[in-house]
Amino acid sequence: MAKLLLKYEGVTLSSYKLEGERVSIGRLAENDIQLDDPAISGQHACITIEPSAYLESIKEFHLEDLSSTNGTRVNDEKIKRVLLKHGDSIQIGKHLFIFDSEQVEDMERTAIYIPGDE
């Protein structure tokens, strides 16, 4: 199961499972992931979880900033909405998360041969 790992100086402080169809992140108590930080909006961001259109057993995780005051960054880039990839770093306020898809080990490298005109 995919998860967000809350990190500080390389040490994992918490792990949050990403399950269901939507995971909300923000300062308010009704969020799935509540972060006590005045730099974080009440409803700061969310992750939507959808089946892949191409691979039956794979899920896609989209992180969306919900018009927060201070923004959301993925790999040091400010985002509105982005498809998360294994190992992405997510900065929300002073909190740094690492996205762990747990799908990487199940994937095998695939090569596609397309015959050319000979």
PDB file of N, CA and C in Angstrom:
ATOM      1  N   MET A   1       0.843  -1.177   0.000  1.00  0.00           N
ATOM      2  CA  MET A   1       0.000   0.000   0.000  1.00  0.00           C
ATOM      3  C   MET A   1       0.889   1.240   0.000  1.00  0.00           C
ATOM      4  N   ALA A   2       0.545   2.202  -0.838  1.00  0.00           N
ATOM      5  CA  ALA A   2       1.314   3.438  -0.933  1.00  0.00           C
ATOM      6  C   ALA A   2       1.176   4.245   0.350  1.00  0.00           C
ATOM      7  N   LYS A   3       2.202   5.082   0.601  1.00  0.00           N
ATOM      8  CA  LYS A   3       2.161   5.898   1.810  1.00  0.00           C
ATOM      9  C   LYS A   3       3.015   7.145   1.646  1.00  0.00           C
ATOM     10  N   LEU A   4       2.764   8.104   2.533  1.00  0.00           N
ATOM     11  CA  LEU A   4       3.614   9.275   2.660  1.00  0.00           C
ATOM     12  C   LEU A   4       4.467   9.086   3.899  1.00  0.00           C
ATOM     13  N   LEU A   5       5.760   9.312   3.758  1.00  0.00           N
ATOM     14  CA  LEU A   5       6.684   9.213   4.879  1.00  0.00           C
ATOM     15  C   LEU A   5       7.070  10.626   5.296  1.00  0.00           C
ATOM     16  N   LEU A   6       6.758  11.007   6.520  1.00  0.00           N
ATOM     17  CA  LEU A   6       7.139  12.305   7.048  1.00  0.00           C
ATOM     18  C   LEU A   6       8.579  12.200   7.523  1.00  0.00           C
ATOM     19  N   LYS A   7       9.457  13.024   6.946  1.00  0.00           N
ATOM     20  CA  LYS A   7      10.892  12.929   7.224  1.00  0.00           C
ATOM     21  C   LYS A   7      11.408  14.201   7.889  1.00  0.00           C
ATOM     22  N   TYR A   8      12.426  14.041   8.706  1.00  0.00           N
ATOM     23  CA  TYR A   8      13.156  15.161   9.282  1.00  0.00           C
ATOM     24  C   TYR A   8      14.612  14.750   9.395  1.00  0.00           C
ATOM     25  N   GLU A   9      15.474  15.472   8.673  1.00  0.00           N
ATOM     26  CA  GLU A   9      16.904  15.181   8.646  1.00  0.00           C
ATOM     27  C   GLU A   9      17.183  13.712   8.367  1.00  0.00           C
ATOM     28  N   GLY A  10      16.461  13.151   7.401  1.00  0.00           N
ATOM     29  CA  GLY A  10      16.678  11.778   6.974  1.00  0.00           C
ATOM     30  C   GLY A  10      16.013  10.704   7.816  1.00  0.00           C
ATOM     31  N   VAL A  11      15.368  11.094   8.916  1.00  0.00           N
ATOM     32  CA  VAL A  11      14.719  10.136   9.807  1.00  0.00           C
ATOM     33  C   VAL A  11      13.213  10.164   9.557  1.00  0.00           C
ATOM     34  N   THR A  12      12.597   8.994   9.430  1.00  0.00           N
ATOM     35  CA  THR A  12      11.152   8.917   9.249  1.00  0.00           C
ATOM     36  C   THR A  12      10.469   9.108  10.593  1.00  0.00           C
ATOM     37  N   LEU A  13       9.640  10.161  10.681  1.00  0.00           N
ATOM     38  CA  LEU A  13       8.919  10.457  11.920  1.00  0.00           C
ATOM     39  C   LEU A  13       7.547   9.801  11.954  1.00  0.00           C
ATOM     40  N   SER A  14       6.873   9.756  10.800  1.00  0.00           N
ATOM     41  CA  SER A  14       5.532   9.167  10.704  1.00  0.00           C
ATOM     42  C   SER A  14       5.334   8.590   9.317  1.00  0.00           C
ATOM     43  N   SER A  15       4.372   7.690   9.230  1.00  0.00           N
ATOM     44  CA  SER A  15       3.993   7.086   7.961  1.00  0.00           C
ATOM     45  C   SER A  15       2.473   7.155   7.841  1.00  0.00           C
ATOM     46  N   TYR A  16       1.990   7.645   6.694  1.00  0.00           N
ATOM     47  CA  TYR A  16       0.551   7.788   6.470  1.00  0.00           C
ATOM     48  C   TYR A  16       0.143   6.941   5.267  1.00  0.00           C
ATOM     49  N   LYS A  17      -0.714   5.949   5.489  1.00  0.00           N
ATOM     50  CA  LYS A  17      -1.203   5.099   4.402  1.00  0.00           C
ATOM     51  C   LYS A  17      -2.133   5.898   3.502  1.00  0.00           C
ATOM     52  N   LEU A  18      -2.001   5.666   2.205  1.00  0.00           N
ATOM     53  CA  LEU A  18      -2.858   6.328   1.224  1.00  0.00           C
ATOM     54  C   LEU A  18      -3.862   5.305   0.719  1.00  0.00           C
ATOM     55  N   GLU A  19      -5.072   5.358   1.282  1.00  0.00           N
ATOM     56  CA  GLU A  19      -6.104   4.399   0.908  1.00  0.00           C
ATOM     57  C   GLU A  19      -7.416   5.122   0.661  1.00  0.00           C
ATOM     58  N   GLY A  20      -8.340   4.430   0.021  1.00  0.00           N
ATOM     59  CA  GLY A  20      -9.603   5.046  -0.350  1.00  0.00           C
ATOM     60  C   GLY A  20      -9.460   5.759  -1.680  1.00  0.00           C
ATOM     61  N   GLU A  21     -10.305   6.745  -1.917  1.00  0.00           N
ATOM     62  CA  GLU A  21     -10.262   7.492  -3.182  1.00  0.00           C
ATOM     63  C   GLU A  21      -9.608   8.855  -3.030  1.00  0.00           C
ATOM     64  N   ARG A  22      -9.575   9.378  -1.789  1.00  0.00           N
ATOM     65  CA  ARG A  22      -9.066  10.735  -1.568  1.00  0.00           C
ATOM     66  C   ARG A  22      -8.498  10.846  -0.160  1.00  0.00           C
ATOM     67  N   VAL A  23      -7.340  11.487  -0.043  1.00  0.00           N
ATOM     68  CA  VAL A  23      -6.716  11.744   1.245  1.00  0.00           C
ATOM     69  C   VAL A  23      -6.498  13.250   1.344  1.00  0.00           C
ATOM     70  N   SER A  24      -7.098  13.873   2.367  1.00  0.00           N
ATOM     71  CA  SER A  24      -6.971  15.323   2.530  1.00  0.00           C
ATOM     72  C   SER A  24      -5.845  15.644   3.506  1.00  0.00           C
ATOM     73  N   ILE A  25      -5.188  16.790   3.257  1.00  0.00           N
ATOM     74  CA  ILE A  25      -4.062  17.229   4.073  1.00  0.00           C
ATOM     75  C   ILE A  25      -4.301  18.690   4.449  1.00  0.00           C
ATOM     76  N   GLY A  26      -4.172  19.003   5.734  1.00  0.00           N
ATOM     77  CA  GLY A  26      -4.336  20.391   6.154  1.00  0.00           C
ATOM     78  C   GLY A  26      -4.268  20.547   7.654  1.00  0.00           C
ATOM     79  N   ARG A  27      -4.522  21.775   8.111  1.00  0.00           N
ATOM     80  CA  ARG A  27      -4.407  22.108   9.524  1.00  0.00           C
ATOM     81  C   ARG A  27      -5.640  21.704  10.336  1.00  0.00           C
ATOM     82  N   LEU A  28      -6.810  21.641   9.690  1.00  0.00           N
ATOM     83  CA  LEU A  28      -8.051  21.346  10.407  1.00  0.00           C
ATOM     84  C   LEU A  28      -8.154  19.868  10.784  1.00  0.00           C
ATOM     85  N   ALA A  29      -8.863  19.607  11.870  1.00  0.00           N
ATOM     86  CA  ALA A  29      -8.989  18.244  12.413  1.00  0.00           C
ATOM     87  C   ALA A  29      -9.695  17.279  11.472  1.00  0.00           C
ATOM     88  N   GLU A  30     -10.556  17.770  10.580  1.00  0.00           N
ATOM     89  CA  GLU A  30     -11.286  16.851   9.702  1.00  0.00           C
ATOM     90  C   GLU A  30     -10.448  16.302   8.547  1.00  0.00           C
ATOM     91  N   ASN A  31      -9.206  16.732   8.413  1.00  0.00           N
ATOM     92  CA  ASN A  31      -8.323  16.201   7.373  1.00  0.00           C
ATOM     93  C   ASN A  31      -7.848  14.798   7.736  1.00  0.00           C
ATOM     94  N   ASP A  32      -7.586  13.991   6.713  1.00  0.00           N
ATOM     95  CA  ASP A  32      -7.028  12.650   6.936  1.00  0.00           C
ATOM     96  C   ASP A  32      -5.617  12.745   7.519  1.00  0.00           C
ATOM     97  N   ILE A  33      -4.851  13.741   7.040  1.00  0.00           N
ATOM     98  CA  ILE A  33      -3.529  14.015   7.585  1.00  0.00           C
ATOM     99  C   ILE A  33      -3.566  15.441   8.128  1.00  0.00           C
ATOM    100  N   GLN A  34      -3.589  15.551   9.450  1.00  0.00           N
ATOM    101  CA  GLN A  34      -3.655  16.867  10.091  1.00  0.00           C
ATOM    102  C   GLN A  34      -2.250  17.302  10.479  1.00  0.00           C
ATOM    103  N   LEU A  35      -1.882  18.517  10.067  1.00  0.00           N
ATOM    104  CA  LEU A  35      -0.557  19.056  10.348  1.00  0.00           C
ATOM    105  C   LEU A  35      -0.696  20.340  11.156  1.00  0.00           C
ATOM    106  N   ASP A  36      -0.117  20.356  12.336  1.00  0.00           N
ATOM    107  CA  ASP A  36      -0.197  21.503  13.223  1.00  0.00           C
ATOM    108  C   ASP A  36       0.916  22.484  12.857  1.00  0.00           C
ATOM    109  N   ASP A  37       0.610  23.396  11.952  1.00  0.00           N
ATOM    110  CA  ASP A  37       1.591  24.353  11.450  1.00  0.00           C
ATOM    111  C   ASP A  37       0.827  25.565  10.933  1.00  0.00           C
ATOM    112  N   PRO A  38       1.076  26.759  11.460  1.00  0.00           N
ATOM    113  CA  PRO A  38       0.339  27.939  11.009  1.00  0.00           C
ATOM    114  C   PRO A  38       0.581  28.298   9.539  1.00  0.00           C
ATOM    115  N   ALA A  39       1.633  27.743   8.921  1.00  0.00           N
ATOM    116  CA  ALA A  39       1.910  28.004   7.500  1.00  0.00           C
ATOM    117  C   ALA A  39       1.064  27.126   6.579  1.00  0.00           C
ATOM    118  N   ILE A  40       0.282  26.229   7.166  1.00  0.00           N
ATOM    119  CA  ILE A  40      -0.535  25.306   6.384  1.00  0.00           C
ATOM    120  C   ILE A  40      -1.988  25.745   6.449  1.00  0.00           C
ATOM    121  N   SER A  41      -2.649  25.754   5.299  1.00  0.00           N
ATOM    122  CA  SER A  41      -4.062  26.132   5.228  1.00  0.00           C
ATOM    123  C   SER A  41      -4.937  25.056   5.857  1.00  0.00           C
ATOM    124  N   GLY A  42      -6.155  25.436   6.235  1.00  0.00           N
ATOM    125  CA  GLY A  42      -7.103  24.494   6.829  1.00  0.00           C
ATOM    126  C   GLY A  42      -7.337  23.292   5.939  1.00  0.00           C
ATOM    127  N   GLN A  43      -7.585  23.526   4.661  1.00  0.00           N
ATOM    128  CA  GLN A  43      -7.681  22.485   3.625  1.00  0.00           C
ATOM    129  C   GLN A  43      -6.573  22.806   2.627  1.00  0.00           C
ATOM    130  N   HIS A  44      -5.403  22.248   2.820  1.00  0.00           N
ATOM    131  CA  HIS A  44      -4.216  22.654   2.065  1.00  0.00           C
ATOM    132  C   HIS A  44      -4.072  21.917   0.723  1.00  0.00           C
ATOM    133  N   ALA A  45      -4.157  20.602   0.771  1.00  0.00           N
ATOM    134  CA  ALA A  45      -3.930  19.781  -0.427  1.00  0.00           C
ATOM    135  C   ALA A  45      -4.681  18.471  -0.288  1.00  0.00           C
ATOM    136  N   CYS A  46      -4.767  17.730  -1.391  1.00  0.00           N
ATOM    137  CA  CYS A  46      -5.362  16.393  -1.325  1.00  0.00           C
ATOM    138  C   CYS A  46      -4.677  15.493  -2.335  1.00  0.00           C
ATOM    139  N   ILE A  47      -4.759  14.213  -2.052  1.00  0.00           N
ATOM    140  CA  ILE A  47      -4.253  13.190  -2.974  1.00  0.00           C
ATOM    141  C   ILE A  47      -5.444  12.371  -3.421  1.00  0.00           C
ATOM    142  N   THR A  48      -5.652  12.298  -4.742  1.00  0.00           N
ATOM    143  CA  THR A  48      -6.706  11.444  -5.277  1.00  0.00           C
ATOM    144  C   THR A  48      -6.056  10.164  -5.787  1.00  0.00           C
ATOM    145  N   ILE A  49      -6.748   9.060  -5.545  1.00  0.00           N
ATOM    146  CA  ILE A  49      -6.225   7.738  -5.885  1.00  0.00           C
ATOM    147  C   ILE A  49      -7.155   7.124  -6.915  1.00  0.00           C
ATOM    148  N   GLU A  50      -6.592   6.820  -8.088  1.00  0.00           N
ATOM    149  CA  GLU A  50      -7.391   6.310  -9.206  1.00  0.00           C
ATOM    150  C   GLU A  50      -6.694   5.121  -9.843  1.00  0.00           C
ATOM    151  N   PRO A  51      -7.455   4.186 -10.408  1.00  0.00           N
ATOM    152  CA  PRO A  51      -6.818   3.087 -11.144  1.00  0.00           C
ATOM    153  C   PRO A  51      -6.140   3.633 -12.407  1.00  0.00           C
ATOM    154  N   SER A  52      -5.030   3.048 -12.765  1.00  0.00           N
ATOM    155  CA  SER A  52      -4.326   3.440 -13.985  1.00  0.00           C
ATOM    156  C   SER A  52      -5.170   3.088 -15.208  1.00  0.00           C
ATOM    157  N   ALA A  53      -5.152   3.959 -16.181  1.00  0.00           N
ATOM    158  CA  ALA A  53      -5.877   3.710 -17.426  1.00  0.00           C
ATOM    159  C   ALA A  53      -5.165   2.657 -18.277  1.00  0.00           C
ATOM    160  N   TYR A  54      -3.901   2.382 -17.962  1.00  0.00           N
ATOM    161  CA  TYR A  54      -3.105   1.498 -18.809  1.00  0.00           C
ATOM    162  C   TYR A  54      -2.738   0.163 -18.182  1.00  0.00           C
ATOM    163  N   LEU A  55      -2.577   0.145 -16.855  1.00  0.00           N
ATOM    164  CA  LEU A  55      -2.155  -1.075 -16.187  1.00  0.00           C
ATOM    165  C   LEU A  55      -3.172  -1.447 -15.117  1.00  0.00           C
ATOM    166  N   GLU A  56      -3.754  -2.612 -15.253  1.00  0.00           N
ATOM    167  CA  GLU A  56      -4.875  -3.039 -14.415  1.00  0.00           C
ATOM    168  C   GLU A  56      -4.584  -3.033 -12.917  1.00  0.00           C
ATOM    169  N   SER A  57      -3.426  -3.483 -12.501  1.00  0.00           N
ATOM    170  CA  SER A  57      -3.147  -3.626 -11.070  1.00  0.00           C
ATOM    171  C   SER A  57      -2.472  -2.395 -10.449  1.00  0.00           C
ATOM    172  N   ILE A  58      -2.288  -1.341 -11.217  1.00  0.00           N
ATOM    173  CA  ILE A  58      -1.566  -0.155 -10.755  1.00  0.00           C
ATOM    174  C   ILE A  58      -2.519   0.982 -10.452  1.00  0.00           C
ATOM    175  N   LYS A  59      -2.230   1.725  -9.379  1.00  0.00           N
ATOM    176  CA  LYS A  59      -3.012   2.913  -9.033  1.00  0.00           C
ATOM    177  C   LYS A  59      -2.169   4.149  -9.286  1.00  0.00           C
ATOM    178  N   GLU A  60      -2.847   5.247  -9.604  1.00  0.00           N
ATOM    179  CA  GLU A  60      -2.180   6.529  -9.802  1.00  0.00           C
ATOM    180  C   GLU A  60      -2.559   7.450  -8.652  1.00  0.00           C
ATOM    181  N   PHE A  61      -1.592   8.249  -8.213  1.00  0.00           N
ATOM    182  CA  PHE A  61      -1.777   9.156  -7.086  1.00  0.00           C
ATOM    183  C   PHE A  61      -1.504  10.576  -7.570  1.00  0.00           C
ATOM    184  N   HIS A  62      -2.539  11.409  -7.548  1.00  0.00           N
ATOM    185  CA  HIS A  62      -2.417  12.791  -7.981  1.00  0.00           C
ATOM    186  C   HIS A  62      -2.482  13.703  -6.764  1.00  0.00           C
ATOM    187  N   LEU A  63      -1.469  14.560  -6.610  1.00  0.00           N
ATOM    188  CA  LEU A  63      -1.444  15.540  -5.531  1.00  0.00           C
ATOM    189  C   LEU A  63      -1.930  16.868  -6.094  1.00  0.00           C
ATOM    190  N   GLU A  64      -2.880  17.490  -5.392  1.00  0.00           N
ATOM    191  CA  GLU A  64      -3.445  18.757  -5.838  1.00  0.00           C
ATOM    192  C   GLU A  64      -3.391  19.771  -4.700  1.00  0.00           C
ATOM    193  N   ASP A  65      -2.877  20.960  -4.997  1.00  0.00           N
ATOM    194  CA  ASP A  65      -2.919  22.059  -4.045  1.00  0.00           C
ATOM    195  C   ASP A  65      -4.322  22.658  -4.106  1.00  0.00           C
ATOM    196  N   LEU A  66      -4.946  22.874  -2.947  1.00  0.00           N
ATOM    197  CA  LEU A  66      -6.327  23.370  -2.896  1.00  0.00           C
ATOM    198  C   LEU A  66      -6.357  24.884  -2.686  1.00  0.00           C
ATOM    199  N   SER A  67      -5.632  25.602  -3.564  1.00  0.00           N
ATOM    200  CA  SER A  67      -5.531  27.071  -3.492  1.00  0.00           C
ATOM    201  C   SER A  67      -5.044  27.524  -2.120  1.00  0.00           C
ATOM    202  N   SER A  68      -4.068  26.816  -1.579  1.00  0.00           N
ATOM    203  CA  SER A  68      -3.524  27.146  -0.264  1.00  0.00           C
ATOM    204  C   SER A  68      -2.781  28.479  -0.317  1.00  0.00           C
ATOM    205  N   THR A  69      -2.637  29.091   0.836  1.00  0.00           N
ATOM    206  CA  THR A  69      -1.959  30.388   0.917  1.00  0.00           C
ATOM    207  C   THR A  69      -0.481  30.278   0.565  1.00  0.00           C
ATOM    208  N   ASN A  70       0.196  29.272   1.086  1.00  0.00           N
ATOM    209  CA  ASN A  70       1.650  29.151   0.898  1.00  0.00           C
ATOM    210  C   ASN A  70       2.079  28.125  -0.141  1.00  0.00           C
ATOM    211  N   GLY A  71       1.141  27.444  -0.759  1.00  0.00           N
ATOM    212  CA  GLY A  71       1.467  26.531  -1.840  1.00  0.00           C
ATOM    213  C   GLY A  71       1.975  25.171  -1.398  1.00  0.00           C
ATOM    214  N   THR A  72       2.118  24.298  -2.384  1.00  0.00           N
ATOM    215  CA  THR A  72       2.605  22.936  -2.211  1.00  0.00           C
ATOM    216  C   THR A  72       3.718  22.727  -3.234  1.00  0.00           C
ATOM    217  N   ARG A  73       4.802  22.097  -2.814  1.00  0.00           N
ATOM    218  CA  ARG A  73       5.939  21.868  -3.714  1.00  0.00           C
ATOM    219  C   ARG A  73       6.212  20.365  -3.847  1.00  0.00           C
ATOM    220  N   VAL A  74       6.517  19.956  -5.061  1.00  0.00           N
ATOM    221  CA  VAL A  74       6.950  18.582  -5.331  1.00  0.00           C
ATOM    222  C   VAL A  74       8.298  18.679  -6.020  1.00  0.00           C
ATOM    223  N   ASN A  75       9.293  18.042  -5.431  1.00  0.00           N
ATOM    224  CA  ASN A  75      10.662  18.089  -5.950  1.00  0.00           C
ATOM    225  C   ASN A  75      11.108  19.536  -6.179  1.00  0.00           C
ATOM    226  N   ASP A  76      10.796  20.403  -5.215  1.00  0.00           N
ATOM    227  CA  ASP A  76      11.165  21.825  -5.206  1.00  0.00           C
ATOM    228  C   ASP A  76      10.444  22.678  -6.254  1.00  0.00           C
ATOM    229  N   GLU A  77       9.410  22.145  -6.894  1.00  0.00           N
ATOM    230  CA  GLU A  77       8.625  22.909  -7.866  1.00  0.00           C
ATOM    231  C   GLU A  77       7.233  23.159  -7.308  1.00  0.00           C
ATOM    232  N   LYS A  78       6.771  24.405  -7.348  1.00  0.00           N
ATOM    233  CA  LYS A  78       5.421  24.715  -6.895  1.00  0.00           C
ATOM    234  C   LYS A  78       4.427  24.090  -7.871  1.00  0.00           C
ATOM    235  N   ILE A  79       3.394  23.440  -7.342  1.00  0.00           N
ATOM    236  CA  ILE A  79       2.458  22.704  -8.196  1.00  0.00           C
ATOM    237  C   ILE A  79       1.019  23.146  -7.944  1.00  0.00           C
ATOM    238  N   LYS A  80       0.183  22.864  -8.926  1.00  0.00           N
ATOM    239  CA  LYS A  80      -1.272  22.944  -8.761  1.00  0.00           C
ATOM    240  C   LYS A  80      -1.816  21.521  -8.666  1.00  0.00           C
ATOM    241  N   ARG A  81      -1.397  20.673  -9.617  1.00  0.00           N
ATOM    242  CA  ARG A  81      -1.795  19.260  -9.631  1.00  0.00           C
ATOM    243  C   ARG A  81      -0.704  18.480 -10.350  1.00  0.00           C
ATOM    244  N   VAL A  82      -0.313  17.348  -9.771  1.00  0.00           N
ATOM    245  CA  VAL A  82       0.770  16.566 -10.365  1.00  0.00           C
ATOM    246  C   VAL A  82       0.550  15.079 -10.076  1.00  0.00           C
ATOM    247  N   LEU A  83       0.984  14.228 -11.012  1.00  0.00           N
ATOM    248  CA  LEU A  83       0.986  12.788 -10.820  1.00  0.00           C
ATOM    249  C   LEU A  83       2.244  12.441 -10.026  1.00  0.00           C
ATOM    250  N   LEU A  84       2.066  11.834  -8.861  1.00  0.00           N
ATOM    251  CA  LEU A  84       3.210  11.485  -8.020  1.00  0.00           C
ATOM    252  C   LEU A  84       3.919  10.246  -8.548  1.00  0.00           C
ATOM    253  N   LYS A  85       5.246  10.270  -8.411  1.00  0.00           N
ATOM    254  CA  LYS A  85       6.078   9.127  -8.767  1.00  0.00           C
ATOM    255  C   LYS A  85       6.844   8.681  -7.521  1.00  0.00           C
ATOM    256  N   HIS A  86       7.152   7.410  -7.457  1.00  0.00           N
ATOM    257  CA  HIS A  86       7.874   6.854  -6.317  1.00  0.00           C
ATOM    258  C   HIS A  86       9.113   7.699  -6.015  1.00  0.00           C
ATOM    259  N   GLY A  87       9.270   8.086  -4.757  1.00  0.00           N
ATOM    260  CA  GLY A  87      10.444   8.847  -4.334  1.00  0.00           C
ATOM    261  C   GLY A  87      10.294  10.352  -4.411  1.00  0.00           C
ATOM    262  N   ASP A  88       9.164  10.859  -4.931  1.00  0.00           N
ATOM    263  CA  ASP A  88       8.952  12.309  -4.995  1.00  0.00           C
ATOM    264  C   ASP A  88       8.988  12.903  -3.593  1.00  0.00           C
ATOM    265  N   SER A  89       9.597  14.094  -3.473  1.00  0.00           N
ATOM    266  CA  SER A  89       9.570  14.807  -2.197  1.00  0.00           C
ATOM    267  C   SER A  89       8.478  15.867  -2.258  1.00  0.00           C
ATOM    268  N   ILE A  90       7.694  15.954  -1.190  1.00  0.00           N
ATOM    269  CA  ILE A  90       6.545  16.851  -1.119  1.00  0.00           C
ATOM    270  C   ILE A  90       6.756  17.772   0.072  1.00  0.00           C
ATOM    271  N   GLN A  91       6.763  19.079  -0.185  1.00  0.00           N
ATOM    272  CA  GLN A  91       6.933  20.068   0.874  1.00  0.00           C
ATOM    273  C   GLN A  91       5.610  20.780   1.098  1.00  0.00           C
ATOM    274  N   ILE A  92       5.079  20.662   2.315  1.00  0.00           N
ATOM    275  CA  ILE A  92       3.850  21.341   2.724  1.00  0.00           C
ATOM    276  C   ILE A  92       4.184  22.064   4.022  1.00  0.00           C
ATOM    277  N   GLY A  93       4.256  23.399   3.958  1.00  0.00           N
ATOM    278  CA  GLY A  93       4.720  24.156   5.121  1.00  0.00           C
ATOM    279  C   GLY A  93       6.133  23.719   5.443  1.00  0.00           C
ATOM    280  N   LYS A  94       6.408  23.460   6.706  1.00  0.00           N
ATOM    281  CA  LYS A  94       7.747  22.997   7.102  1.00  0.00           C
ATOM    282  C   LYS A  94       7.877  21.476   7.049  1.00  0.00           C
ATOM    283  N   HIS A  95       6.827  20.792   6.628  1.00  0.00           N
ATOM    284  CA  HIS A  95       6.809  19.331   6.612  1.00  0.00           C
ATOM    285  C   HIS A  95       7.301  18.793   5.272  1.00  0.00           C
ATOM    286  N   LEU A  96       8.227  17.838   5.339  1.00  0.00           N
ATOM    287  CA  LEU A  96       8.756  17.181   4.148  1.00  0.00           C
ATOM    288  C   LEU A  96       8.294  15.730   4.146  1.00  0.00           C
ATOM    289  N   PHE A  97       7.613  15.357   3.081  1.00  0.00           N
ATOM    290  CA  PHE A  97       7.146  13.984   2.900  1.00  0.00           C
ATOM    291  C   PHE A  97       7.871  13.362   1.714  1.00  0.00           C
ATOM    292  N   ILE A  98       8.032  12.050   1.755  1.00  0.00           N
ATOM    293  CA  ILE A  98       8.517  11.276   0.613  1.00  0.00           C
ATOM    294  C   ILE A  98       7.392  10.329   0.219  1.00  0.00           C
ATOM    295  N   PHE A  99       7.069  10.313  -1.090  1.00  0.00           N
ATOM    296  CA  PHE A  99       6.015   9.433  -1.589  1.00  0.00           C
ATOM    297  C   PHE A  99       6.611   8.053  -1.849  1.00  0.00           C
ATOM    298  N   ASP A 100       6.027   7.042  -1.213  1.00  0.00           N
ATOM    299  CA  ASP A 100       6.452   5.648  -1.374  1.00  0.00           C
ATOM    300  C   ASP A 100       5.292   4.899  -2.014  1.00  0.00           C
ATOM    301  N   SER A 101       5.400   4.609  -3.306  1.00  0.00           N
ATOM    302  CA  SER A 101       4.300   3.972  -4.031  1.00  0.00           C
ATOM    303  C   SER A 101       4.169   2.491  -3.707  1.00  0.00           C
ATOM    304  N   GLU A 102       5.236   1.871  -3.238  1.00  0.00           N
ATOM    305  CA  GLU A 102       5.295   0.424  -2.975  1.00  0.00           C
ATOM    306  C   GLU A 102       4.885  -0.398  -4.195  1.00  0.00           C
ATOM    307  N   GLN A 103       4.933   0.198  -5.364  1.00  0.00           N
ATOM    308  CA  GLN A 103       4.606  -0.520  -6.598  1.00  0.00           C
ATOM    309  C   GLN A 103       5.849  -0.752  -7.440  1.00  0.00           C
ATOM    310  N   VAL A 104       6.949  -0.144  -7.072  1.00  0.00           N
ATOM    311  CA  VAL A 104       8.162  -0.208  -7.871  1.00  0.00           C
ATOM    312  C   VAL A 104       8.708  -1.620  -7.969  1.00  0.00           C
ATOM    313  N   GLU A 105       8.750  -2.346  -6.850  1.00  0.00           N
ATOM    314  CA  GLU A 105       9.322  -3.688  -6.863  1.00  0.00           C
ATOM    315  C   GLU A 105       8.506  -4.658  -7.699  1.00  0.00           C
ATOM    316  N   ASP A 106       7.206  -4.386  -7.862  1.00  0.00           N
ATOM    317  CA  ASP A 106       6.365  -5.273  -8.645  1.00  0.00           C
ATOM    318  C   ASP A 106       6.535  -5.053 -10.147  1.00  0.00           C
ATOM    319  N   MET A 107       7.103  -3.917 -10.511  1.00  0.00           N
ATOM    320  CA  MET A 107       7.230  -3.575 -11.923  1.00  0.00           C
ATOM    321  C   MET A 107       8.509  -4.188 -12.489  1.00  0.00           C
ATOM    322  N   GLU A 108       8.416  -4.736 -13.665  1.00  0.00           N
ATOM    323  CA  GLU A 108       9.590  -5.239 -14.349  1.00  0.00           C
ATOM    324  C   GLU A 108       9.868  -4.312 -15.516  1.00  0.00           C
ATOM    325  N   ARG A 109      11.130  -4.214 -15.881  1.00  0.00           N
ATOM    326  CA  ARG A 109      11.490  -3.392 -17.027  1.00  0.00           C
ATOM    327  C   ARG A 109      10.957  -4.077 -18.280  1.00  0.00           C
ATOM    328  N   THR A 110      10.291  -3.310 -19.122  1.00  0.00           N
ATOM    329  CA  THR A 110       9.701  -3.845 -20.325  1.00  0.00           C
ATOM    330  C   THR A 110      10.287  -3.147 -21.547  1.00  0.00           C
ATOM    331  N   ALA A 111      10.641  -3.924 -22.532  1.00  0.00           N
ATOM    332  CA  ALA A 111      11.124  -3.369 -23.794  1.00  0.00           C
ATOM    333  C   ALA A 111      10.098  -3.719 -24.871  1.00  0.00           C
ATOM    334  N   ILE A 112       9.855  -2.774 -25.737  1.00  0.00           N
ATOM    335  CA  ILE A 112       8.910  -3.013 -26.833  1.00  0.00           C
ATOM    336  C   ILE A 112       9.703  -2.964 -28.129  1.00  0.00           C
ATOM    337  N   TYR A 113       9.606  -4.024 -28.894  1.00  0.00           N
ATOM    338  CA  TYR A 113      10.289  -4.099 -30.172  1.00  0.00           C
ATOM    339  C   TYR A 113       9.315  -3.720 -31.264  1.00  0.00           C
ATOM    340  N   ILE A 114       9.673  -2.710 -32.029  1.00  0.00           N
ATOM    341  CA  ILE A 114       8.840  -2.313 -33.170  1.00  0.00           C
ATOM    342  C   ILE A 114       9.658  -2.560 -34.421  1.00  0.00           C
ATOM    343  N   PRO A 115       9.236  -3.537 -35.222  1.00  0.00           N
ATOM    344  CA  PRO A 115      10.021  -3.870 -36.412  1.00  0.00           C
ATOM    345  C   PRO A 115      10.010  -2.698 -37.403  1.00  0.00           C
ATOM    346  N   GLY A 116      11.163  -2.447 -37.989  1.00  0.00           N
ATOM    347  CA  GLY A 116      11.274  -1.359 -38.977  1.00  0.00           C
ATOM    348  C   GLY A 116      11.163  -1.912 -40.388  1.00  0.00           C
ATOM    349  N   ASP A 117      11.119  -1.021 -41.332  1.00  0.00           N
ATOM    350  CA  ASP A 117      11.110  -1.422 -42.751  1.00  0.00           C
ATOM    351  C   ASP A 117      12.507  -1.850 -43.136  1.00  0.00           C
ATOM    352  N   GLU A 118      12.637  -3.053 -43.596  1.00  0.00           N
ATOM    353  CA  GLU A 118      13.950  -3.566 -43.998  1.00  0.00           C
ATOM    354  C   GLU A 118      13.985  -3.919 -45.431  1.00  0.00           C
TER     355      GLU A 118
END
